[in-house]
Amino acid sequence: MTSIAVIGAGITGVTTAYALVKQGFTVTLLDRQRYPAMDTSFANGGQLSACNAEVWNNTSTVMKGIKWMFKKDAPLLVNPSPSWHKYTWMGEFLRNIRNYEHNTIETTKLAIAAREHLFQWAEDENIDFDLEKRGILHVYQSKAGFESGVKVSELLAKGGLERRTVTPEEIRQIEPTLVGQFYGGFFTPSDASGDIHKFTRGLADACKRLGVKFTMDVEVESITPLPRGHQIRYRSKLDSSPNSAEQLDVDAIVICAGVGSRKLAAMVGDHINIYPVKGYSITVNLNDEISQNAAPWVSLLDEEAKIVTSRLGATRLRVAGTAEYNGENKNIRADRIAPLTEWTRRNFNQAATDNVVPWAGLRPMMPDMMPRVQAGKREGIFYNTGHGHLGWTLSAATAQTIAYTIRTALPVTADA
């Protein structure tokens, strides 16, 4: 059978493996972690949010970033220390401001298309991932912020998304537990939320049932072209002996390795300019009835605070936000976690925050904020990576796209 190696067992890698095995390919999935979904797909904000499809390449984001640069608890933080990769990436980011409207519209279309596949796969494979189809409520404290949101809504509408304006009174009706003061907002009834880790692990189990081979806890050392296909040389992280490296010969490779994709792409002569943008989350454990009743069920997005929430079952609330340009660094900083806890206390003051689990992950950001779903320079090399802050939202659609691309370029063949 035609063989494919997928490198990366996060949400994009697992959805890609699933889409490929359903097409009839023989699939091997490799990852540096011991289990699937242990990096950026572990504890994100939980939103399946077409309403958050606006790309970041606009002048207002740049001006806010400059203002926030030296404020430790700012939603956006840039480490000013010299880094060629960081500053060249930022230069390319600025050049893509001219593509802001087009890329926002295209991302919206992709996010809407992804829902159909993701929900269907969860139903087909009986995956419980704390799915809540209650919509997403986008709130603003200021008139200026709200008016900028009106312009975003116009772009989302061009991409096919229905997002309606709501008053402060309607905000209270949609989510009665929210106690903050807001100028207005927007509600997207078709959006949803869920636990990315539970979904990814559930779909990984489905992949195993369908015959996908998982090769975990390994580091890829090299990718070498063969007369037909490619050879991946990898080494177990548990065995550092000189002769411990193993080899896998396959017809094609799909690189879905998040922030690691840039290094892997360089091995095969491609430039995939991903920069790791750190995000933080807290999981608030709602251990008593008062806290459970005081926490929101509708998923929220506070635009000015750059904070999102998702209810994960009866006993957990996920609160996430911030963007930190600080290299491949997953250190959890107390001064970046504190704003998430304080925001929860202010807006849901009856919910206890004495049992909060912090987390940090690295979003794989392309300078234009658009994922790379494409063939590489070498025959048999493909990419499904660089999804930035919307990997969870876009994953099912990009997986279907790359599976179709591969099927077109490399038809399935049976064993001789």
Protein backbone atom coordinates (compact mmCIF):
# COMPACT_ATOMS: atom_id res chain seq x y z
CA MET A 1 0.00 0.00 0.00
CA THR A 2 1.04 3.60 -0.56
CA SER A 3 2.70 4.70 2.69
CA ILE A 4 2.60 8.13 4.33
CA ALA A 5 4.47 9.37 7.40
CA VAL A 6 2.84 12.18 9.35
CA ILE A 7 5.27 14.02 11.65
CA GLY A 8 3.51 15.58 14.62
CA ALA A 9 0.75 14.14 16.83
CA GLY A 10 -1.03 17.31 17.81
CA ILE A 11 -4.45 18.30 16.49
CA THR A 12 -3.25 18.91 12.92
CA GLY A 13 -1.17 15.73 12.76
CA VAL A 14 -3.86 13.47 14.16
CA THR A 15 -6.61 14.94 11.97
CA THR A 16 -4.28 14.56 8.97
CA ALA A 17 -3.54 10.93 9.84
CA TYR A 18 -7.26 10.26 10.21
CA ALA A 19 -8.14 11.89 6.87
CA LEU A 20 -5.36 9.94 5.12
CA VAL A 21 -6.17 6.54 6.56
CA LYS A 22 -9.83 7.06 5.61
CA GLN A 23 -8.56 7.66 2.05
CA GLY A 24 -6.91 4.23 2.09
CA PHE A 25 -3.27 5.16 2.74
CA THR A 26 -0.98 3.25 5.09
CA VAL A 27 -0.09 5.84 7.74
CA THR A 28 2.65 6.07 10.36
CA LEU A 29 2.50 8.97 12.82
CA LEU A 30 5.70 10.10 14.57
CA ASP A 31 6.03 12.50 17.50
CA ARG A 32 8.63 13.60 20.03
CA GLN A 33 6.19 13.22 22.91
CA ARG A 34 5.17 9.96 24.55
CA TYR A 35 1.47 10.56 23.89
CA PRO A 36 -0.57 12.54 21.34
CA ALA A 37 -1.67 16.10 22.08
CA MET A 38 0.92 16.86 24.74
CA ASP A 39 2.24 20.18 23.37
CA THR A 40 0.11 23.03 21.95
CA SER A 41 -2.94 20.73 21.74
CA PHE A 42 -2.94 20.10 25.47
CA ALA A 43 -4.79 23.01 27.13
CA ASN A 44 -5.70 25.79 24.72
CA GLY A 45 -8.69 28.13 25.04
CA GLY A 46 -11.08 25.48 23.77
CA GLN A 47 -12.93 27.63 21.25
CA LEU A 48 -14.02 26.41 17.83
CA SER A 49 -14.29 30.00 16.77
CA ALA A 50 -14.94 31.21 13.25
CA CYS A 51 -15.75 34.53 14.97
CA ASN A 52 -12.05 34.80 15.91
CA ALA A 53 -10.86 34.44 12.31
CA GLU A 54 -9.57 38.01 12.10
CA VAL A 55 -5.85 37.87 11.33
CA TRP A 56 -3.52 39.98 13.47
CA ASN A 57 -1.89 41.87 10.59
CA ASN A 58 -3.37 45.32 11.11
CA THR A 59 -2.03 48.69 12.16
CA SER A 60 -4.01 48.83 15.41
CA THR A 61 -2.46 45.55 16.62
CA VAL A 62 1.02 46.89 15.88
CA MET A 63 0.34 50.14 17.78
CA LYS A 64 -1.03 48.23 20.76
CA GLY A 65 2.01 45.96 20.71
CA ILE A 66 4.36 48.94 20.86
CA LYS A 67 2.37 50.44 23.75
CA TRP A 68 2.35 47.14 25.65
CA MET A 69 6.00 46.24 25.04
CA PHE A 70 7.21 47.21 28.51
CA LYS A 71 4.07 46.28 30.47
CA LYS A 72 4.56 42.84 32.04
CA ASP A 73 0.85 42.00 32.32
CA ALA A 74 -0.08 43.25 28.83
CA PRO A 75 -2.08 40.95 26.52
CA LEU A 76 0.73 41.19 23.95
CA LEU A 77 4.36 41.06 25.05
CA VAL A 78 7.50 41.17 22.90
CA ASN A 79 10.90 40.34 24.29
CA PRO A 80 13.05 43.13 22.79
CA SER A 81 16.27 41.08 22.93
CA PRO A 82 17.92 40.63 19.50
CA SER A 83 16.81 37.65 17.41
CA TRP A 84 17.25 37.45 13.64
CA HIS A 85 14.33 35.05 13.28
CA LYS A 86 11.99 37.19 15.38
CA TYR A 87 12.75 40.47 13.66
CA THR A 88 12.71 39.11 10.11
CA TRP A 89 9.40 37.40 10.94
CA MET A 90 8.02 40.70 12.22
CA GLY A 91 9.14 42.44 9.03
CA GLU A 92 7.20 39.92 6.98
CA PHE A 93 4.24 40.32 9.37
CA LEU A 94 4.19 44.08 8.66
CA ARG A 95 4.32 43.50 4.91
CA ASN A 96 1.17 41.39 5.19
CA ILE A 97 -0.93 44.22 6.63
CA ARG A 98 -2.03 44.85 3.05
CA ASN A 99 -3.55 41.34 2.98
CA TYR A 100 -5.49 41.79 6.24
CA GLU A 101 -9.01 41.86 4.75
CA HIS A 102 -8.47 39.06 2.22
CA ASN A 103 -6.84 36.73 4.75
CA THR A 104 -9.52 37.38 7.37
CA ILE A 105 -12.26 36.49 4.88
CA GLU A 106 -10.45 33.36 3.68
CA THR A 107 -9.80 32.20 7.26
CA THR A 108 -13.50 32.64 8.05
CA LYS A 109 -14.48 30.43 5.13
CA LEU A 110 -12.00 27.77 6.20
CA ALA A 111 -13.24 27.85 9.82
CA ILE A 112 -16.85 27.37 8.74
CA ALA A 113 -15.92 24.46 6.48
CA ALA A 114 -13.97 22.78 9.28
CA ARG A 115 -16.99 22.45 11.59
CA GLU A 116 -18.81 19.97 9.40
CA HIS A 117 -15.89 17.54 9.33
CA LEU A 118 -14.93 17.85 13.01
CA PHE A 119 -18.43 17.33 14.35
CA GLN A 120 -19.01 14.42 11.96
CA TRP A 121 -15.76 12.72 12.97
CA ALA A 122 -16.62 13.08 16.65
CA GLU A 123 -20.02 11.50 16.00
CA ASP A 124 -18.63 8.72 13.82
CA GLU A 125 -15.95 7.80 16.38
CA ASN A 126 -18.06 8.46 19.49
CA ILE A 127 -15.61 11.00 20.93
CA ASP A 128 -16.65 12.78 24.13
CA PHE A 129 -14.75 16.08 24.30
CA ASP A 130 -17.04 18.32 26.39
CA LEU A 131 -18.55 19.84 23.26
CA GLU A 132 -20.80 22.86 23.90
CA LYS A 133 -22.76 24.20 20.92
CA ARG A 134 -23.93 27.32 22.75
CA GLY A 135 -22.23 29.87 20.52
CA ILE A 136 -19.50 32.38 21.37
CA LEU A 137 -20.19 35.75 23.00
CA HIS A 138 -17.72 38.49 22.07
CA VAL A 139 -17.76 41.40 24.58
CA TYR A 140 -16.30 44.93 24.60
CA GLN A 141 -15.83 47.41 27.44
CA SER A 142 -15.37 50.50 25.26
CA LYS A 143 -17.20 52.21 22.42
CA ALA A 144 -14.01 52.40 20.34
CA GLY A 145 -13.39 48.69 20.74
CA PHE A 146 -16.98 47.87 19.86
CA GLU A 147 -16.87 50.03 16.74
CA SER A 148 -13.72 48.25 15.57
CA GLY A 149 -15.63 45.00 16.10
CA VAL A 150 -18.37 46.23 13.77
CA LYS A 151 -15.80 46.47 10.97
CA VAL A 152 -14.57 42.94 11.75
CA SER A 153 -18.15 41.65 11.59
CA GLU A 154 -18.42 43.03 8.06
CA LEU A 155 -15.39 40.98 7.01
CA LEU A 156 -16.70 37.86 8.76
CA ALA A 157 -20.00 38.30 6.93
CA LYS A 158 -18.14 38.35 3.62
CA GLY A 159 -16.70 34.99 4.63
CA GLY A 160 -20.21 33.65 5.29
CA LEU A 161 -20.40 33.96 9.09
CA GLU A 162 -23.47 35.20 10.92
CA ARG A 163 -22.44 37.30 13.94
CA ARG A 164 -25.13 39.53 15.42
CA THR A 165 -24.76 42.66 17.51
CA VAL A 166 -25.93 42.44 21.14
CA THR A 167 -26.63 45.09 23.77
CA PRO A 168 -25.42 44.97 27.39
CA GLU A 169 -28.87 43.69 28.37
CA GLU A 170 -28.68 40.91 25.78
CA ILE A 171 -25.21 40.01 27.02
CA ARG A 172 -26.74 39.35 30.45
CA GLN A 173 -29.48 37.23 28.89
CA ILE A 174 -27.04 35.13 26.88
CA GLU A 175 -24.67 34.57 29.83
CA PRO A 176 -26.27 35.52 33.17
CA THR A 177 -23.18 34.68 35.26
CA LEU A 178 -21.09 37.46 33.66
CA VAL A 179 -20.88 40.38 36.11
CA GLY A 180 -18.51 42.81 34.34
CA GLN A 181 -19.60 46.08 32.73
CA PHE A 182 -19.65 46.05 28.93
CA TYR A 183 -20.47 48.57 26.22
CA GLY A 184 -21.80 45.92 23.85
CA GLY A 185 -20.84 42.82 21.97
CA PHE A 186 -21.46 40.25 19.27
CA PHE A 187 -22.89 36.76 19.41
CA THR A 188 -22.03 33.94 17.01
CA PRO A 189 -24.59 31.16 17.60
CA SER A 190 -22.91 28.71 15.21
CA ASP A 191 -19.59 28.64 17.07
CA ALA A 192 -18.77 26.09 19.76
CA SER A 193 -16.19 25.01 22.33
CA GLY A 194 -14.66 21.82 23.64
CA ASP A 195 -11.57 20.13 25.05
CA ILE A 196 -8.92 19.92 22.32
CA HIS A 197 -6.87 17.37 24.27
CA LYS A 198 -9.80 14.98 24.74
CA PHE A 199 -10.80 15.30 21.09
CA THR A 200 -7.28 14.72 19.79
CA ARG A 201 -6.72 11.71 22.03
CA GLY A 202 -10.11 10.30 21.04
CA LEU A 203 -9.37 10.72 17.33
CA ALA A 204 -5.91 9.20 17.86
CA ASP A 205 -7.59 6.12 19.32
CA ALA A 206 -9.82 6.00 16.24
CA CYS A 207 -6.71 6.22 14.04
CA LYS A 208 -5.20 3.23 15.86
CA ARG A 209 -8.39 1.22 15.31
CA LEU A 210 -8.16 2.05 11.61
CA GLY A 211 -4.55 0.84 11.42
CA VAL A 212 -2.42 3.95 11.87
CA LYS A 213 0.93 3.07 13.48
CA PHE A 214 2.08 5.45 16.23
CA THR A 215 5.84 5.84 16.71
CA MET A 216 6.12 8.05 19.78
CA ASP A 217 8.86 9.50 21.97
CA VAL A 218 11.26 9.91 19.04
CA GLU A 219 13.29 12.74 17.54
CA VAL A 220 13.55 12.99 13.75
CA GLU A 221 17.23 13.43 12.84
CA SER A 222 17.12 13.54 9.05
CA ILE A 223 14.90 13.14 5.99
CA THR A 224 16.63 11.74 2.91
CA PRO A 225 15.19 11.35 -0.59
CA LEU A 226 15.13 7.84 -2.08
CA PRO A 227 14.68 6.76 -5.70
CA ARG A 228 11.04 6.34 -4.72
CA GLY A 229 9.88 8.23 -1.66
CA HIS A 230 11.85 9.31 1.41
CA GLN A 231 13.71 7.86 4.35
CA ILE A 232 13.18 9.25 7.84
CA ARG A 233 15.95 8.64 10.34
CA TYR A 234 14.79 8.94 13.93
CA ARG A 235 15.99 8.08 17.40
CA SER A 236 14.16 7.08 20.56
CA LYS A 237 14.45 9.72 23.28
CA LEU A 238 15.01 6.90 25.77
CA ASP A 239 18.07 5.46 23.98
CA SER A 240 21.03 7.71 23.24
CA SER A 241 23.46 4.96 22.22
CA PRO A 242 25.30 5.55 18.90
CA ASN A 243 23.59 2.70 17.06
CA SER A 244 20.04 3.32 18.31
CA ALA A 245 18.79 5.30 15.29
CA GLU A 246 16.03 3.67 13.23
CA GLN A 247 14.82 4.26 9.71
CA LEU A 248 11.41 4.46 8.08
CA ASP A 249 10.99 4.36 4.30
CA VAL A 250 7.76 5.89 3.01
CA ASP A 251 6.28 7.14 -0.23
CA ALA A 252 5.48 10.59 1.17
CA ILE A 253 5.75 12.73 4.31
CA VAL A 254 3.37 15.31 5.80
CA ILE A 255 4.97 17.74 8.23
CA CYS A 256 2.47 18.76 10.91
CA ALA A 257 4.89 19.49 13.73
CA GLY A 258 3.74 22.89 14.95
CA VAL A 259 6.68 25.09 15.92
CA GLY A 260 9.01 22.22 15.03
CA SER A 261 7.93 22.37 11.40
CA ARG A 262 10.43 25.10 10.53
CA LYS A 263 13.40 22.89 11.44
CA LEU A 264 11.96 19.86 9.63
CA ALA A 265 11.21 21.94 6.53
CA ALA A 266 14.83 23.07 6.44
CA MET A 267 15.91 19.41 6.29
CA VAL A 268 14.15 19.06 2.93
CA GLY A 269 15.07 22.46 1.49
CA ASP A 270 11.88 24.38 2.29
CA HIS A 271 11.42 27.62 4.23
CA ILE A 272 8.35 27.53 6.47
CA ASN A 273 8.72 30.70 8.52
CA ILE A 274 6.90 29.70 11.71
CA TYR A 275 7.55 31.67 14.87
CA PRO A 276 6.52 30.30 18.30
CA VAL A 277 4.06 32.70 19.95
CA LYS A 278 3.45 31.68 23.54
CA GLY A 279 -0.06 31.61 24.96
CA TYR A 280 -1.15 30.89 28.52
CA SER A 281 -4.20 29.26 30.03
CA ILE A 282 -5.59 28.32 33.40
CA THR A 283 -7.99 25.51 34.12
CA VAL A 284 -10.24 26.57 37.00
CA ASN A 285 -11.45 23.48 38.85
CA LEU A 286 -15.02 24.11 39.95
CA ASN A 287 -15.08 21.89 43.00
CA ASP A 288 -18.26 23.11 44.68
CA GLU A 289 -21.82 23.78 43.63
CA ILE A 290 -21.55 27.55 44.11
CA SER A 291 -18.56 27.73 41.75
CA GLN A 292 -20.23 25.51 39.19
CA ASN A 293 -23.33 27.72 39.17
CA ALA A 294 -21.26 30.92 39.01
CA ALA A 295 -19.13 29.91 35.99
CA PRO A 296 -20.26 30.54 32.39
CA TRP A 297 -21.51 27.88 30.01
CA VAL A 298 -21.46 30.11 26.93
CA SER A 299 -17.94 30.50 25.54
CA LEU A 300 -16.66 34.07 25.85
CA LEU A 301 -14.13 36.33 24.15
CA ASP A 302 -13.21 39.58 25.90
CA GLU A 303 -11.67 41.59 23.07
CA GLU A 304 -9.85 44.27 25.03
CA ALA A 305 -8.43 41.85 27.59
CA LYS A 306 -7.66 39.31 24.82
CA ILE A 307 -9.06 36.53 27.02
CA VAL A 308 -11.29 33.61 26.06
CA THR A 309 -13.22 31.10 28.15
CA SER A 310 -14.69 27.67 27.54
CA ARG A 311 -16.71 25.51 29.90
CA LEU A 312 -15.35 21.96 29.89
CA GLY A 313 -18.05 19.91 31.53
CA ALA A 314 -19.58 20.63 34.91
CA THR A 315 -16.36 20.93 36.88
CA ARG A 316 -13.84 22.83 34.70
CA LEU A 317 -13.54 26.32 33.23
CA ARG A 318 -10.73 27.05 30.79
CA VAL A 319 -9.52 30.67 30.66
CA ALA A 320 -6.83 31.55 28.12
CA GLY A 321 -5.12 34.49 26.53
CA THR A 322 -2.03 36.61 25.94
CA ALA A 323 0.57 36.45 23.20
CA GLU A 324 4.26 36.44 24.02
CA TYR A 325 7.05 36.71 21.44
CA ASN A 326 9.91 35.15 23.36
CA GLY A 327 11.30 32.31 21.25
CA GLU A 328 10.79 28.60 21.84
CA ASN A 329 10.21 29.07 25.55
CA LYS A 330 7.39 27.36 27.49
CA ASN A 331 8.24 28.69 30.94
CA ILE A 332 5.12 29.57 32.91
CA ARG A 333 5.46 33.08 34.27
CA ALA A 334 3.43 34.06 37.32
CA ASP A 335 2.97 37.63 36.05
CA ARG A 336 1.35 36.28 32.85
CA ILE A 337 -0.93 33.84 34.70
CA ALA A 338 -2.12 36.39 37.28
CA PRO A 339 -4.20 38.46 34.79
CA LEU A 340 -6.16 35.35 33.81
CA THR A 341 -6.99 34.55 37.43
CA GLU A 342 -7.83 38.18 38.24
CA TRP A 343 -10.07 38.46 35.17
CA THR A 344 -11.95 35.34 36.33
CA ARG A 345 -12.36 36.78 39.83
CA ARG A 346 -13.71 40.09 38.49
CA ASN A 347 -16.18 38.66 36.03
CA PHE A 348 -17.31 35.52 37.92
CA ASN A 349 -16.72 36.53 41.50
CA GLN A 350 -18.64 33.66 43.09
CA ALA A 351 -16.47 31.07 41.34
CA ALA A 352 -13.59 29.94 43.57
CA THR A 353 -10.08 30.31 42.15
CA ASP A 354 -8.22 28.37 44.85
CA ASN A 355 -7.65 25.39 42.53
CA VAL A 356 -6.22 26.70 39.28
CA VAL A 357 -3.87 24.77 36.96
CA PRO A 358 -1.61 26.99 34.78
CA TRP A 359 -0.26 26.02 31.37
CA ALA A 360 1.71 27.57 28.51
CA GLY A 361 1.91 26.48 24.88
CA LEU A 362 3.48 27.73 21.65
CA ARG A 363 1.26 28.77 18.77
CA PRO A 364 2.90 28.03 15.38
CA MET A 365 2.48 31.43 13.69
CA MET A 366 3.15 32.26 10.07
CA PRO A 367 3.79 35.98 9.36
CA ASP A 368 0.58 36.26 7.29
CA MET A 369 -1.41 34.24 9.88
CA MET A 370 -2.40 31.70 7.22
CA PRO A 371 -1.68 27.96 7.57
CA ARG A 372 0.60 26.24 5.11
CA VAL A 373 -1.37 23.43 3.47
CA GLN A 374 0.69 22.60 0.43
CA ALA A 375 3.31 20.48 -1.30
CA GLY A 376 6.99 21.14 -0.72
CA LYS A 377 9.75 21.59 -3.29
CA ARG A 378 10.64 17.90 -3.24
CA GLU A 379 8.20 15.39 -4.64
CA GLY A 380 6.45 13.55 -1.83
CA ILE A 381 6.87 16.27 0.82
CA PHE A 382 3.75 18.02 2.09
CA TYR A 383 2.82 20.47 4.85
CA ASN A 384 -0.19 21.02 7.09
CA THR A 385 1.14 23.43 9.66
CA GLY A 386 1.37 27.05 10.82
CA HIS A 387 -2.23 27.42 12.03
CA GLY A 388 -1.38 29.97 14.70
CA HIS A 389 -4.17 30.67 17.19
CA LEU A 390 -6.76 28.70 15.17
CA GLY A 391 -5.30 25.21 14.90
CA TRP A 392 -8.23 23.66 16.77
CA THR A 393 -10.74 25.62 14.70
CA LEU A 394 -9.21 24.97 11.26
CA SER A 395 -7.72 21.49 11.71
CA ALA A 396 -10.45 19.32 10.22
CA ALA A 397 -10.68 21.41 7.04
CA THR A 398 -6.94 21.60 6.43
CA ALA A 399 -6.62 17.87 7.08
CA GLN A 400 -9.21 17.16 4.40
CA THR A 401 -7.47 19.56 2.03
CA ILE A 402 -4.01 18.03 2.40
CA ALA A 403 -5.44 14.50 2.14
CA TYR A 404 -7.11 15.46 -1.14
CA THR A 405 -3.87 17.10 -2.36
CA ILE A 406 -1.89 13.96 -1.58
CA ARG A 407 -4.50 11.68 -3.11
CA THR A 408 -4.30 13.71 -6.31
CA ALA A 409 -0.50 13.75 -6.40
CA LEU A 410 0.06 10.23 -5.11
CA PRO A 411 -2.83 7.84 -5.77
CA VAL A 412 -3.38 4.95 -3.40
CA THR A 413 -1.80 1.70 -4.59
CA ALA A 414 -2.35 -1.83 -3.32
CA ASP A 415 0.40 -4.21 -2.29
CA ALA A 416 1.97 -6.07 -5.20
